[in-house]
Protein backbone atom coordinates (compact mmCIF):
# COMPACT_ATOMS: atom_id res chain seq x y z
CA MET A 1 -0.06 -0.03 0.09
CA ASN A 2 1.06 3.40 -0.67
CA SER A 3 1.51 5.75 2.00
CA LYS A 4 -0.12 8.47 -0.35
CA THR A 5 -3.16 7.44 -0.96
CA LEU A 6 -6.20 7.43 1.17
CA LYS A 7 -7.49 4.68 3.05
CA VAL A 8 -11.30 4.82 4.42
CA ILE A 9 -12.78 2.15 6.80
CA ALA A 10 -16.48 2.29 6.91
CA LYS A 11 -18.49 0.23 9.44
CA ILE A 12 -22.34 -0.04 8.92
CA ASN A 13 -24.32 -1.85 11.67
CA ALA A 14 -27.92 -3.65 10.56
CA ILE A 15 -30.86 -3.19 12.15
CA PRO A 16 -31.57 -6.65 13.87
CA GLY A 17 -33.62 -8.77 11.15
CA LYS A 18 -32.37 -6.72 8.33
CA GLU A 19 -28.93 -8.18 8.13
CA SER A 20 -29.19 -10.11 4.85
CA ILE A 21 -30.94 -7.25 3.12
CA LEU A 22 -28.56 -4.58 4.15
CA GLN A 23 -25.67 -7.22 2.67
CA GLU A 24 -27.40 -7.49 -0.61
CA VAL A 25 -27.64 -3.45 -0.89
CA LEU A 26 -23.72 -3.53 0.09
CA ILE A 27 -22.62 -6.24 -2.24
CA LYS A 28 -24.10 -4.25 -5.18
CA LEU A 29 -21.74 -1.19 -4.55
CA ILE A 30 -18.77 -3.52 -5.10
CA GLU A 31 -17.97 -4.36 -8.61
CA PRO A 32 -19.06 -0.69 -10.15
CA THR A 33 -16.77 1.01 -7.23
CA ARG A 34 -13.95 -1.49 -8.16
CA ASN A 35 -14.10 -0.14 -11.72
CA GLU A 36 -14.04 3.38 -10.84
CA PRO A 37 -11.02 5.35 -11.86
CA GLY A 38 -8.74 6.01 -8.47
CA CYS A 39 -10.34 3.22 -6.80
CA ILE A 40 -7.41 0.52 -5.72
CA SER A 41 -9.33 -1.58 -3.38
CA TYR A 42 -12.82 -1.86 -2.08
CA ILE A 43 -13.49 -4.86 0.34
CA LEU A 44 -16.68 -5.51 1.86
CA LEU A 45 -15.87 -7.17 5.21
CA ASN A 46 -18.66 -9.37 7.78
CA ASN A 47 -17.82 -9.45 11.48
CA ILE A 48 -17.58 -13.09 12.48
CA SER A 49 -19.07 -12.30 15.79
CA ASP A 50 -21.87 -9.84 14.95
CA GLN A 51 -23.46 -10.88 11.69
CA GLY A 52 -25.02 -7.42 11.56
CA GLU A 53 -21.70 -5.52 11.30
CA PHE A 54 -20.31 -4.83 7.78
CA THR A 55 -17.18 -2.98 7.14
CA PHE A 56 -16.00 -1.43 3.92
CA PHE A 57 -12.08 -1.31 3.41
CA GLU A 58 -11.12 1.34 0.74
CA GLU A 59 -8.26 2.56 -0.91
CA TRP A 60 -8.20 5.43 -3.26
CA MET A 61 -5.77 7.17 -5.31
CA THR A 62 -7.13 10.53 -4.21
CA GLY A 63 -9.37 12.51 -1.99
CA LYS A 64 -11.02 13.34 -5.39
CA ASP A 65 -11.46 9.80 -6.42
CA LEU A 66 -13.62 9.32 -3.13
CA GLU A 67 -15.83 12.44 -3.92
CA THR A 68 -16.14 11.17 -7.07
CA HIS A 69 -17.28 7.82 -5.66
CA ILE A 70 -19.46 9.56 -3.34
CA GLN A 71 -21.56 11.15 -6.12
CA SER A 72 -21.75 8.37 -8.31
CA ALA A 73 -25.11 6.91 -9.06
CA HIS A 74 -24.62 3.69 -7.55
CA PHE A 75 -23.51 4.79 -4.17
CA LYS A 76 -26.45 7.34 -4.27
CA ASP A 77 -28.75 4.55 -4.59
CA ALA A 78 -27.37 2.36 -2.15
CA VAL A 79 -27.58 5.31 0.50
CA LYS A 80 -31.31 6.22 -0.47
CA ASN A 81 -31.99 2.47 0.98
CA LEU A 82 -30.04 2.65 3.97
CA ASP A 83 -32.10 4.33 6.60
CA VAL A 84 -34.69 1.53 6.69
CA LEU A 85 -31.65 -1.16 7.21
CA ILE A 86 -29.26 0.52 9.54
CA ASP A 87 -29.43 1.31 13.42
CA ALA A 88 -27.16 4.23 13.29
CA GLU A 89 -25.04 6.87 10.90
CA PRO A 90 -22.29 4.73 9.31
CA ASP A 91 -18.93 5.14 11.16
CA ILE A 92 -16.64 6.27 8.32
CA LYS A 93 -13.12 7.49 8.92
CA GLN A 94 -10.01 8.37 6.36
CA TYR A 95 -6.38 7.58 7.10
CA HIS A 96 -2.97 7.55 5.61
CA SER A 97 -0.09 4.98 6.27
CA ILE A 98 2.64 5.76 8.43
CA GLU A 99 5.71 4.30 6.62
CA ILE A 100 8.91 3.29 8.84
CA GLY A 101 12.11 2.81 7.53
């Protein structure tokens, strides 16, 4: 991983009983996002001990690439469906790697 790239970790928690529906919505984001310019990595994780917790690990070339993603039709389409599926606002944080040596 390049320390200059932007890393994003986005945690999303499903309302109990809505886990499989939320998973379907999130899976639909993967392929079109991976094909976006500037997307290095876009991985969806599901917590083994809490099946309602989903986490995206993303890596983008630039913050502008991330902003373009947020404005994409597939992202906006997914977000409009989240209100009835999640129990709180997604926890989204941005990072840069710290390189040693």
